[in-house]
Protein backbone atom coordinates (compact mmCIF):
# COMPACT_ATOMS: atom_id res chain seq x y z
CA UNK A 1 24.62 22.40 -13.12
CA UNK A 2 25.49 22.57 -9.42
CA UNK A 3 23.72 20.01 -7.25
CA UNK A 4 23.56 19.53 -3.49
CA UNK A 5 22.91 15.88 -2.60
CA UNK A 6 22.06 15.17 1.02
CA UNK A 7 22.78 11.74 2.43
CA UNK A 8 25.03 10.94 -0.50
CA UNK A 9 27.21 8.58 1.53
CA UNK A 10 24.25 6.29 2.16
CA UNK A 11 23.05 3.39 0.06
CA UNK A 12 20.74 5.05 -2.47
CA UNK A 13 22.51 8.41 -2.38
CA UNK A 14 25.95 7.01 -3.18
CA UNK A 15 24.58 4.93 -6.04
CA UNK A 16 22.83 8.07 -7.29
CA UNK A 17 26.07 10.08 -7.28
CA UNK A 18 27.81 7.38 -9.32
CA UNK A 19 24.86 7.32 -11.71
CA UNK A 20 24.68 11.08 -12.12
CA UNK A 21 28.39 11.76 -12.61
CA UNK A 22 28.59 8.95 -15.17
CA UNK A 23 25.69 10.40 -17.15
CA UNK A 24 26.35 14.11 -16.56
CA UNK A 25 30.13 14.36 -16.00
CA UNK A 26 30.17 18.16 -16.32
CA UNK A 27 27.79 18.68 -13.38
CA UNK A 28 29.19 19.52 -9.95
CA UNK A 29 27.94 17.59 -6.92
CA UNK A 30 28.34 18.56 -3.28
CA UNK A 31 27.54 15.67 -0.95
CA UNK A 32 26.36 16.65 2.55
CA UNK A 33 26.33 13.70 4.94
CA UNK A 34 26.75 13.40 8.72
CA UNK A 35 28.22 9.90 8.38
CA UNK A 36 25.98 8.27 10.95
CA UNK A 37 26.03 4.46 11.03
CA UNK A 38 24.47 4.15 7.53
CA UNK A 39 26.74 6.75 5.90
CA UNK A 40 30.02 5.35 4.63
CA UNK A 41 32.70 7.14 2.62
CA UNK A 42 33.91 3.73 1.38
CA UNK A 43 30.79 3.82 -0.81
CA UNK A 44 32.34 6.67 -2.80
CA UNK A 45 36.02 5.81 -2.82
CA UNK A 46 36.02 5.43 -6.62
CA UNK A 47 35.12 9.09 -7.15
CA UNK A 48 36.79 10.65 -4.11
CA UNK A 49 39.27 12.51 -6.33
CA UNK A 50 36.78 13.53 -9.03
CA UNK A 51 37.16 17.28 -9.51
CA UNK A 52 33.38 17.68 -9.87
CA UNK A 53 32.64 15.94 -6.57
CA UNK A 54 32.96 17.45 -3.12
CA UNK A 55 32.16 15.87 0.25
CA UNK A 56 31.08 17.90 3.28
CA UNK A 57 30.56 16.22 6.64
CA UNK A 58 27.66 17.91 8.37
CA UNK A 59 24.13 17.77 9.70
CA UNK A 60 21.11 18.79 7.63
CA UNK A 61 19.73 20.29 10.87
CA UNK A 62 22.67 22.75 11.01
CA UNK A 63 20.99 25.91 9.75
CA UNK A 64 24.19 27.90 9.19
CA UNK A 65 25.97 25.14 7.29
CA UNK A 66 22.94 24.28 5.18
CA UNK A 67 22.41 27.89 4.14
CA UNK A 68 26.07 28.21 3.18
CA UNK A 69 25.95 25.07 1.05
CA UNK A 70 22.61 25.80 -0.59
CA UNK A 71 23.77 29.22 -1.81
CA UNK A 72 24.68 28.98 -5.49
CA UNK A 73 23.16 25.55 -6.08
CA UNK A 74 20.81 24.87 -8.98
CA UNK A 75 19.22 21.76 -7.52
CA UNK A 76 18.83 19.98 -4.16
CA UNK A 77 18.21 16.23 -4.09
CA UNK A 78 17.31 15.21 -0.56
CA UNK A 79 18.12 11.58 0.29
CA UNK A 80 19.31 12.06 3.87
CA UNK A 81 17.14 10.20 6.37
CA UNK A 82 17.11 7.83 9.28
CA UNK A 83 15.55 4.86 7.53
CA UNK A 84 15.46 1.63 9.52
CA UNK A 85 12.02 0.75 10.88
CA UNK A 86 13.32 -1.37 13.76
CA UNK A 87 15.57 1.45 14.96
CA UNK A 88 12.63 3.88 14.83
CA UNK A 89 10.59 1.55 17.03
CA UNK A 90 13.36 1.48 19.64
CA UNK A 91 14.03 5.24 19.53
CA UNK A 92 11.97 7.64 17.44
CA UNK A 93 13.72 10.88 18.45
CA UNK A 94 16.49 10.78 15.84
CA UNK A 95 13.93 10.02 13.12
CA UNK A 96 11.81 13.05 13.97
CA UNK A 97 14.84 15.33 14.19
CA UNK A 98 16.55 14.25 10.97
CA UNK A 99 13.60 13.39 8.76
CA UNK A 100 11.27 16.23 9.75
CA UNK A 101 13.37 19.08 11.12
CA UNK A 102 16.23 18.40 8.72
CA UNK A 103 13.85 18.56 5.78
CA UNK A 104 12.40 21.84 7.07
CA UNK A 105 15.88 23.37 7.36
CA UNK A 106 16.67 22.40 3.77
CA UNK A 107 13.35 23.70 2.46
CA UNK A 108 13.79 26.99 4.29
CA UNK A 109 17.28 27.40 2.84
CA UNK A 110 16.02 26.63 -0.68
CA UNK A 111 13.27 29.22 -0.23
CA UNK A 112 15.62 31.86 1.18
CA UNK A 113 18.07 31.41 -1.70
CA UNK A 114 15.48 32.41 -4.26
CA UNK A 115 13.54 29.21 -4.73
CA UNK A 116 16.02 26.46 -5.63
CA UNK A 117 14.66 23.36 -7.38
CA UNK A 118 14.08 20.69 -4.72
CA UNK A 119 13.50 16.97 -5.13
CA UNK A 120 12.57 14.87 -2.12
CA UNK A 121 13.15 11.11 -1.89
CA UNK A 122 10.32 9.47 0.04
CA UNK A 123 8.97 5.94 0.50
CA UNK A 124 5.88 3.86 -0.13
CA UNK A 125 5.71 3.22 3.63
CA UNK A 126 3.94 6.57 4.14
CA UNK A 127 0.82 4.96 2.66
CA UNK A 128 0.59 2.25 5.31
CA UNK A 129 -0.33 -1.36 4.66
CA UNK A 130 -2.26 -3.03 1.84
CA UNK A 131 -4.45 -6.10 1.96
CA UNK A 132 -3.46 -9.01 -0.26
CA UNK A 133 -6.05 -8.18 -2.92
CA UNK A 134 -5.84 -4.36 -2.90
CA UNK A 135 -4.39 -2.48 -5.89
CA UNK A 136 -0.98 -0.87 -5.51
CA UNK A 137 -0.32 2.53 -4.01
CA UNK A 138 -0.68 5.52 -6.30
CA UNK A 139 0.12 9.19 -5.93
CA UNK A 140 -3.46 9.67 -4.67
CA UNK A 141 -3.35 6.99 -1.98
CA UNK A 142 -4.23 8.30 1.50
CA UNK A 143 -1.42 8.54 3.99
CA UNK A 144 -1.54 5.99 6.81
CA UNK A 145 1.98 5.63 8.32
CA UNK A 146 2.27 2.90 10.92
CA UNK A 147 5.79 3.21 12.35
CA UNK A 148 7.76 6.19 13.71
CA UNK A 149 9.95 5.96 10.59
CA UNK A 150 7.09 6.11 8.11
CA UNK A 151 5.33 8.80 10.15
CA UNK A 152 8.46 10.98 10.01
CA UNK A 153 8.72 10.51 6.24
CA UNK A 154 5.02 11.31 5.82
CA UNK A 155 5.47 14.50 7.81
CA UNK A 156 8.36 15.50 5.57
CA UNK A 157 6.28 14.78 2.44
CA UNK A 158 3.64 17.17 3.73
CA UNK A 159 6.23 19.82 4.54
CA UNK A 160 7.67 19.66 1.04
CA UNK A 161 4.21 20.09 -0.49
CA UNK A 162 3.44 22.93 1.92
CA UNK A 163 6.49 24.84 0.72
CA UNK A 164 5.26 24.42 -2.84
CA UNK A 165 1.76 25.64 -2.08
CA UNK A 166 2.74 28.41 0.35
CA UNK A 167 6.00 29.70 -1.10
CA UNK A 168 5.85 28.35 -4.69
CA UNK A 169 9.09 26.45 -4.11
CA UNK A 170 9.73 24.30 -7.21
CA UNK A 171 9.51 20.80 -5.72
CA UNK A 172 8.90 17.23 -6.78
CA UNK A 173 8.56 14.10 -4.64
CA UNK A 174 9.18 10.44 -5.41
CA UNK A 175 7.76 7.59 -3.34
CA UNK A 176 9.67 4.41 -4.07
CA UNK A 177 9.35 0.76 -3.12
CA UNK A 178 12.09 -1.28 -1.39
CA UNK A 179 15.50 -0.72 -2.99
CA UNK A 180 18.22 -3.32 -3.29
CA UNK A 181 21.69 -3.40 -4.80
CA UNK A 182 25.34 -2.69 -3.89
CA UNK A 183 26.42 -0.64 -0.87
CA UNK A 184 23.25 -1.36 1.15
CA UNK A 185 23.91 -1.59 4.89
CA UNK A 186 23.86 -5.23 6.06
CA UNK A 187 21.11 -4.55 8.58
CA UNK A 188 18.62 -4.51 5.67
CA UNK A 189 16.86 -7.70 4.63
CA UNK A 190 18.60 -8.69 1.38
CA UNK A 191 22.19 -7.80 2.37
CA UNK A 192 21.63 -9.18 5.89
CA UNK A 193 20.59 -12.55 4.51
CA UNK A 194 23.38 -12.63 1.92
CA UNK A 195 26.12 -11.72 4.39
CA UNK A 196 24.78 -14.04 7.09
CA UNK A 197 24.91 -16.95 4.67
CA UNK A 198 28.43 -16.02 3.59
CA UNK A 199 29.39 -16.14 7.28
CA UNK A 200 27.59 -19.43 7.85
CA UNK A 201 24.88 -17.85 9.97
CA UNK A 202 21.15 -18.47 9.79
CA UNK A 203 18.78 -15.87 8.34
CA UNK A 204 16.06 -14.43 10.64
CA UNK A 205 12.58 -14.32 9.13
CA UNK A 206 9.87 -12.31 10.91
CA UNK A 207 6.76 -14.34 11.75
CA UNK A 208 6.03 -16.74 8.92
CA UNK A 209 7.57 -14.52 6.25
CA UNK A 210 4.19 -13.71 4.70
CA UNK A 211 4.77 -9.94 4.45
CA UNK A 212 5.00 -8.74 0.85
CA UNK A 213 7.23 -6.01 -0.53
CA UNK A 214 7.79 -4.63 -4.01
CA UNK A 215 11.48 -4.51 -4.91
CA UNK A 216 13.22 -2.06 -7.21
CA UNK A 217 16.91 -2.12 -8.10
CA UNK A 218 18.67 1.03 -6.94
CA UNK A 219 19.78 1.78 -10.53
CA UNK A 220 16.16 1.74 -11.72
CA UNK A 221 15.14 3.97 -8.82
CA UNK A 222 17.87 6.51 -9.58
CA UNK A 223 16.98 6.50 -13.27
CA UNK A 224 13.41 7.30 -12.24
CA UNK A 225 14.62 10.19 -10.09
CA UNK A 226 16.60 11.50 -13.06
CA UNK A 227 13.47 11.39 -15.24
CA UNK A 228 11.47 13.27 -12.59
CA UNK A 229 14.13 15.96 -12.28
CA UNK A 230 14.42 16.42 -16.04
CA UNK A 231 10.79 15.92 -17.11
CA UNK A 232 8.54 15.86 -14.04
CA UNK A 233 5.92 18.51 -13.39
CA UNK A 234 6.70 20.94 -10.59
CA UNK A 235 4.58 20.31 -7.50
CA UNK A 236 3.87 16.69 -8.45
CA UNK A 237 4.56 13.34 -6.80
CA UNK A 238 5.65 10.24 -8.71
CA UNK A 239 5.58 6.65 -7.47
CA UNK A 240 8.50 4.47 -8.56
CA UNK A 241 8.16 0.70 -8.31
CA UNK A 242 9.96 -2.38 -9.51
CA UNK A 243 6.98 -4.55 -10.46
CA UNK A 244 8.49 -7.30 -8.29
CA UNK A 245 6.18 -8.09 -5.38
CA UNK A 246 7.58 -10.93 -3.25
CA UNK A 247 6.87 -12.35 0.20
CA UNK A 248 9.76 -12.18 2.61
CA UNK A 249 9.82 -15.98 2.62
CA UNK A 250 10.06 -16.05 -1.19
CA UNK A 251 13.01 -13.68 -1.04
CA UNK A 252 14.62 -15.77 1.69
CA UNK A 253 14.28 -19.06 -0.17
CA UNK A 254 15.50 -17.51 -3.42
CA UNK A 255 18.64 -16.12 -1.78
CA UNK A 256 19.31 -19.43 -0.04
CA UNK A 257 18.92 -21.34 -3.30
CA UNK A 258 21.10 -18.96 -5.30
CA UNK A 259 23.79 -19.30 -2.65
CA UNK A 260 23.65 -23.09 -2.75
CA UNK A 261 22.36 -23.62 0.77
CA UNK A 262 19.35 -25.35 2.33
CA UNK A 263 16.19 -24.15 4.06
CA UNK A 264 17.60 -25.34 7.38
CA UNK A 265 19.38 -21.94 7.36
CA UNK A 266 16.03 -20.19 8.02
CA UNK A 267 15.34 -19.12 11.59
CA UNK A 268 11.81 -17.88 12.26
CA UNK A 269 11.74 -15.09 14.84
CA UNK A 270 9.04 -13.03 16.58
CA UNK A 271 7.27 -10.66 14.21
CA UNK A 272 8.11 -6.96 14.11
CA UNK A 273 5.80 -4.64 16.05
CA UNK A 274 3.22 -3.06 13.72
CA UNK A 275 4.59 -5.02 10.76
CA UNK A 276 2.79 -3.88 7.59
CA UNK A 277 1.43 -6.81 5.59
CA UNK A 278 2.01 -5.62 2.04
CA UNK A 279 3.36 -2.74 -0.03
CA UNK A 280 2.85 -2.46 -3.77
CA UNK A 281 3.43 0.41 -6.18
CA UNK A 282 1.37 1.39 -9.20
CA UNK A 283 3.88 3.42 -11.24
CA UNK A 284 1.56 4.03 -14.20
CA UNK A 285 1.75 7.83 -13.78
CA UNK A 286 5.55 7.77 -14.10
CA UNK A 287 5.22 5.34 -16.97
CA UNK A 288 2.76 7.55 -18.82
CA UNK A 289 4.33 10.95 -18.15
CA UNK A 290 8.03 10.06 -17.97
CA UNK A 291 8.24 6.79 -19.90
CA UNK A 292 9.59 5.14 -16.75
CA UNK A 293 9.62 1.40 -16.22
CA UNK A 294 12.10 -0.80 -14.34
CA UNK A 295 14.73 -2.31 -16.62
CA UNK A 296 16.43 -4.66 -14.17
CA UNK A 297 14.84 -8.10 -13.92
CA UNK A 298 14.61 -9.03 -10.24
CA UNK A 299 16.25 -12.44 -10.58
CA UNK A 300 19.12 -10.89 -12.54
CA UNK A 301 19.46 -7.99 -10.13
CA UNK A 302 19.42 -10.25 -7.09
CA UNK A 303 22.16 -12.48 -8.51
CA UNK A 304 24.26 -9.40 -9.28
CA UNK A 305 23.72 -8.19 -5.72
CA UNK A 306 24.75 -11.55 -4.24
CA UNK A 307 27.87 -11.53 -6.42
CA UNK A 308 28.72 -7.98 -5.28
CA UNK A 309 28.53 -8.88 -1.59
CA UNK A 310 30.56 -12.04 -2.18
CA UNK A 311 33.39 -10.03 -3.73
CA UNK A 312 33.22 -7.01 -1.40
CA UNK A 313 33.56 -8.44 2.11
CA UNK A 314 36.14 -5.70 2.73
CA UNK A 315 33.22 -3.25 2.56
CA UNK A 316 30.56 -4.98 4.66
CA UNK A 317 32.66 -7.08 7.03
CA UNK A 318 33.50 -4.20 9.35
CA UNK A 319 29.86 -3.09 9.42
CA UNK A 320 28.78 -6.40 10.97
CA UNK A 321 31.34 -6.45 13.80
């Protein structure tokens, strides 16, 4: 099978490529990535010479390039996105261009090439914020994005569904909770805190750290995507969660403890604008239809992630300069 992966030099995309080539070594992957700040070819150095892997530097908004690359593919897996909420608050333009227009360009190319199978990687943030007692998001939860980032992802979700309903394009969508694991840019919460502590710096906690997120290890997420691609129903959405809801303060204290430091390393900072209180995923549909459930225990996965950053300063050190 020939697969076009967009954003494959990013955190989740690069882990996905490793996962897929290990499990399906005969498949051929073309990785299209513009190598913006979050794209990093160091993520993929271990497979750079694999004969079934090809990297193309380019923009998903480049209509000519996208159409050339899509021709002859059997499957498109669309990871590419601007993804940092704080950056979207400061400047939303890049998020609208990449996440909305880039998705449209890819969908149009898939349609024009005869209806290529298309899987879109989305986020639980499109559903907005939950109260403390509310049940988790499901595939039927109403959309209520509250940041430019989540609004751009919500718009792309709707575009993908529109191409299914209007043009019968064979699509699926996955909405996942917060990912963690190796190769995640150190601007994100878990790697930021780990690398700050390695460097002897304090960790910044928004507000009082009461915001709650569900965490899924990137390997579990990518296994879920594999199940959707192989077994999911065309036109359907699947929520993928880690069953690991934690407050930001819980995460912070756990990381500090695992790294042998004290709570004096916490620095409370002004809360993020429009900071959603809680995300939680009900993945019972994926569990029932695909036999999906997270395999990585959070405590185990977090320790593995800490160990990875401790032994790979060559990778993240230059990203924090």
